[in-house]
C-alpha atoms as a PDB file:
ATOM      1  CA  MET A   1      84.425  90.345  91.559  1.00  0.00           C
ATOM      2  CA  ALA A   2      81.040  88.670  92.145  1.00  0.00           C
ATOM      3  CA  LYS A   3      79.631  90.309  89.033  1.00  0.00           C
ATOM      4  CA  GLU A   4      82.880  89.119  86.905  1.00  0.00           C
ATOM      5  CA  LEU A   5      82.229  85.532  88.098  1.00  0.00           C
ATOM      6  CA  LYS A   6      78.219  85.728  87.500  1.00  0.00           C
ATOM      7  CA  ILE A   7      77.485  85.046  91.151  1.00  0.00           C
ATOM      8  CA  ALA A   8      73.871  85.837  91.660  1.00  0.00           C
ATOM      9  CA  GLU A   9      73.773  86.078  95.460  1.00  0.00           C
ATOM     10  CA  LEU A  10      76.428  86.595  98.034  1.00  0.00           C
ATOM     11  CA  GLY A  11      75.861  84.973 101.644  1.00  0.00           C
ATOM     12  CA  PHE A  12      76.937  86.479 104.760  1.00  0.00           C
ATOM     13  CA  PRO A  13      80.122  85.440 106.528  1.00  0.00           C
ATOM     14  CA  SER A  14      80.372  83.199 109.308  1.00  0.00           C
ATOM     15  CA  ASP A  15      82.620  82.887 112.273  1.00  0.00           C
ATOM     16  CA  ASN A  16      83.766  79.457 111.117  1.00  0.00           C
ATOM     17  CA  HIS A  17      87.212  79.754 109.707  1.00  0.00           C
ATOM     18  CA  PRO A  18      88.798  76.285 110.371  1.00  0.00           C
ATOM     19  CA  LYS A  19      91.896  76.476 108.140  1.00  0.00           C
ATOM     20  CA  LEU A  20      94.562  78.964 107.684  1.00  0.00           C
ATOM     21  CA  TYR A  21      93.977  79.237 104.001  1.00  0.00           C
ATOM     22  CA  ASP A  22      90.187  79.915 104.222  1.00  0.00           C
ATOM     23  CA  ASP A  23      88.676  83.347 103.781  1.00  0.00           C
ATOM     24  CA  TRP A  24      89.997  85.203 100.942  1.00  0.00           C
ATOM     25  CA  TYR A  25      89.037  88.721  99.452  1.00  0.00           C
ATOM     26  CA  TRP A  26      89.194  88.682  95.562  1.00  0.00           C
ATOM     27  CA  ASP A  27      89.285  91.871  93.489  1.00  0.00           C
ATOM     28  CA  ILE A  28      89.977  92.912  90.086  1.00  0.00           C
ATOM     29  CA  THR A  29      91.968  95.769  88.834  1.00  0.00           C
ATOM     30  CA  ARG A  30      93.694  97.231  85.705  1.00  0.00           C
ATOM     31  CA  ILE A  31      97.477  97.426  85.730  1.00  0.00           C
ATOM     32  CA  LEU A  32      98.989  99.114  82.620  1.00  0.00           C
ATOM     33  CA  ARG A  33      95.528  98.601  80.748  1.00  0.00           C
ATOM     34  CA  ARG A  34      95.307  94.915  81.570  1.00  0.00           C
ATOM     35  CA  LYS A  35      92.935  93.145  83.791  1.00  0.00           C
ATOM     36  CA  VAL A  36      94.596  91.779  86.847  1.00  0.00           C
ATOM     37  CA  PHE A  37      92.936  89.500  89.485  1.00  0.00           C
ATOM     38  CA  ILE A  38      94.119  90.280  93.153  1.00  0.00           C
ATOM     39  CA  PHE A  39      93.580  87.800  96.030  1.00  0.00           C
ATOM     40  CA  MET A  40      94.223  88.763  99.708  1.00  0.00           C
ATOM     41  CA  HIS A  41      93.950  86.517 102.629  1.00  0.00           C
ATOM     42  CA  ILE A  42      91.829  88.300 105.303  1.00  0.00           C
ATOM     43  CA  ARG A  43      93.589  87.647 108.328  1.00  0.00           C
ATOM     44  CA  THR A  44      97.144  87.170 107.150  1.00  0.00           C
ATOM     45  CA  ARG A  45      97.269  89.868 104.549  1.00  0.00           C
ATOM     46  CA  ILE A  46      99.146  87.685 102.113  1.00  0.00           C
ATOM     47  CA  GLY A  47      98.546  89.017  98.698  1.00  0.00           C
ATOM     48  CA  LEU A  48      98.621  87.323  95.432  1.00  0.00           C
ATOM     49  CA  ALA A  49      98.012  88.583  91.961  1.00  0.00           C
ATOM     50  CA  ILE A  50      97.813  87.155  88.370  1.00  0.00           C
ATOM     51  CA  PRO A  51      97.049  88.839  84.945  1.00  0.00           C
ATOM     52  CA  ALA A  52      93.808  87.684  83.379  1.00  0.00           C
ATOM     53  CA  TYR A  53      95.540  86.889  80.199  1.00  0.00           C
ATOM     54  CA  GLU A  54      97.769  84.237  81.929  1.00  0.00           C
ATOM     55  CA  ILE A  55      94.758  82.168  82.805  1.00  0.00           C
ATOM     56  CA  GLY A  56      92.591  82.686  79.870  1.00  0.00           C
ATOM     57  CA  GLY A  57      90.349  85.287  81.591  1.00  0.00           C
ATOM     58  CA  THR A  58      87.536  84.839  84.224  1.00  0.00           C
ATOM     59  CA  SER A  59      86.853  81.407  82.818  1.00  0.00           C
ATOM     60  CA  GLY A  60      90.023  80.048  84.244  1.00  0.00           C
ATOM     61  CA  LEU A  61      89.853  81.819  87.670  1.00  0.00           C
ATOM     62  CA  LEU A  62      88.276  79.049  89.715  1.00  0.00           C
ATOM     63  CA  GLU A  63      90.824  76.456  88.392  1.00  0.00           C
ATOM     64  CA  CYS A  64      93.771  78.738  88.642  1.00  0.00           C
ATOM     65  CA  PHE A  65      93.384  80.124  92.123  1.00  0.00           C
ATOM     66  CA  PRO A  66      94.138  76.661  93.798  1.00  0.00           C
ATOM     67  CA  LEU A  67      97.109  76.299  91.511  1.00  0.00           C
ATOM     68  CA  LEU A  68      98.468  79.682  92.287  1.00  0.00           C
ATOM     69  CA  LEU A  69      98.033  79.176  96.078  1.00  0.00           C
ATOM     70  CA  ARG A  70      99.598  76.020  96.120  1.00  0.00           C
ATOM     71  CA  GLU A  71     102.593  77.160  94.242  1.00  0.00           C
ATOM     72  CA  CYS A  72     102.858  80.017  96.677  1.00  0.00           C
ATOM     73  CA  PHE A  73     102.902  77.907  99.813  1.00  0.00           C
ATOM     74  CA  TYR A  74     105.334  75.547  98.000  1.00  0.00           C
ATOM     75  CA  GLU A  75     107.680  78.512  97.496  1.00  0.00           C
ATOM     76  CA  LEU A  76     107.366  79.383 101.333  1.00  0.00           C
ATOM     77  CA  GLY A  77     108.383  75.743 102.330  1.00  0.00           C
ATOM     78  CA  PHE A  78     104.751  74.939 103.512  1.00  0.00           C
ATOM     79  CA  ASP A  79     104.131  71.682 101.519  1.00  0.00           C
ATOM     80  CA  LYS A  80     101.594  70.080 103.791  1.00  0.00           C
ATOM     81  CA  ILE A  81      99.446  73.402 104.001  1.00  0.00           C
ATOM     82  CA  ALA A  82     100.020  73.828 100.041  1.00  0.00           C
ATOM     83  CA  ASP A  83      98.496  70.277  99.392  1.00  0.00           C
ATOM     84  CA  GLU A  84      95.644  70.798 101.988  1.00  0.00           C
ATOM     85  CA  ALA A  85      94.961  74.331 100.369  1.00  0.00           C
ATOM     86  CA  TYR A  86      94.785  72.828  97.132  1.00  0.00           C
ATOM     87  CA  ASP A  87      92.470  69.916  97.988  1.00  0.00           C
ATOM     88  CA  PHE A  88      90.050  72.502  99.902  1.00  0.00           C
ATOM     89  CA  PHE A  89      89.907  74.754  96.898  1.00  0.00           C
ATOM     90  CA  THR A  90      89.478  72.080  94.364  1.00  0.00           C
ATOM     91  CA  ALA A  91      86.325  70.738  96.040  1.00  0.00           C
ATOM     92  CA  PRO A  92      83.179  70.944  93.867  1.00  0.00           C
ATOM     93  CA  VAL A  93      82.326  74.363  93.072  1.00  0.00           C
ATOM     94  CA  ASN A  94      79.028  74.099  95.207  1.00  0.00           C
ATOM     95  CA  GLU A  95      81.075  73.559  98.365  1.00  0.00           C
ATOM     96  CA  ILE A  96      82.876  77.049  97.913  1.00  0.00           C
ATOM     97  CA  HIS A  97      80.940  79.966  99.402  1.00  0.00           C
ATOM     98  CA  PHE A  98      81.291  83.322  98.009  1.00  0.00           C
ATOM     99  CA  VAL A  99      80.156  85.875 100.658  1.00  0.00           C
ATOM    100  CA  LYS A 100      80.216  89.671 101.339  1.00  0.00           C
ATOM    101  CA  THR A 101      83.254  90.658 103.488  1.00  0.00           C
ATOM    102  CA  ASP A 102      82.474  92.102 107.035  1.00  0.00           C
ATOM    103  CA  ASN A 103      86.129  93.148 107.404  1.00  0.00           C
ATOM    104  CA  LYS A 104      86.362  96.593 105.812  1.00  0.00           C
ATOM    105  CA  SER A 105      89.911  97.100 107.117  1.00  0.00           C
ATOM    106  CA  ILE A 106      91.012  94.707 104.118  1.00  0.00           C
ATOM    107  CA  LEU A 107      90.123  97.480 101.581  1.00  0.00           C
ATOM    108  CA  ARG A 108      93.110  99.568 102.852  1.00  0.00           C
ATOM    109  CA  TYR A 109      95.413  96.703 102.423  1.00  0.00           C
ATOM    110  CA  ILE A 110      93.960  96.016  98.817  1.00  0.00           C
ATOM    111  CA  SER A 111      94.425  99.483  97.804  1.00  0.00           C
ATOM    112  CA  GLU A 112      97.983  99.536  98.852  1.00  0.00           C
ATOM    113  CA  PHE A 113      98.797  96.259  97.156  1.00  0.00           C
ATOM    114  CA  LYS A 114      97.215  97.528  93.984  1.00  0.00           C
ATOM    115  CA  PHE A 115      99.524 100.603  94.238  1.00  0.00           C
ATOM    116  CA  ILE A 116     102.540  98.561  94.896  1.00  0.00           C
ATOM    117  CA  LEU A 117     101.709  96.126  91.794  1.00  0.00           C
ATOM    118  CA  ASP A 118     101.001  99.346  89.569  1.00  0.00           C
ATOM    119  CA  PHE A 119     104.226 101.043  90.762  1.00  0.00           C
ATOM    120  CA  LYS A 120     106.390  98.042  89.951  1.00  0.00           C
ATOM    121  CA  ALA A 121     104.668  97.372  86.542  1.00  0.00           C
ATOM    122  CA  ARG A 122     105.316 100.997  85.532  1.00  0.00           C
ATOM    123  CA  LYS A 123     108.892 100.778  86.789  1.00  0.00           C
ATOM    124  CA  ALA A 124     109.544  97.538  84.853  1.00  0.00           C
ATOM    125  CA  ASN A 125     107.816  98.976  81.784  1.00  0.00           C
ATOM    126  CA  ASP A 126     110.217 101.911  81.718  1.00  0.00           C
END
């Protein structure tokens, strides 16, 4: 994902995760030959996905993620957290830090999430 977003240097994670909605793993996959962005929260394993064509490709990703996250929290009934998360992720881009993950167990969950998305897409396409 860093290559897709043209991030030249990734920092190292810190132990300071003050908010529930902080610390996400972002990935890209192809489902039915279409690029799909996948987001998974490191601690809670909440997974979100959106096809790239729905947000105008990679250029719309940083603007779309806060909206997607806010909508998810609203649907779960967490209105206060939804607004806090939106404000947090709409901060100036220089305040958002992209780092390498030190939690390799997330890869297992991301792989399973991709499998589920692919399965459901193929089933719906049939």
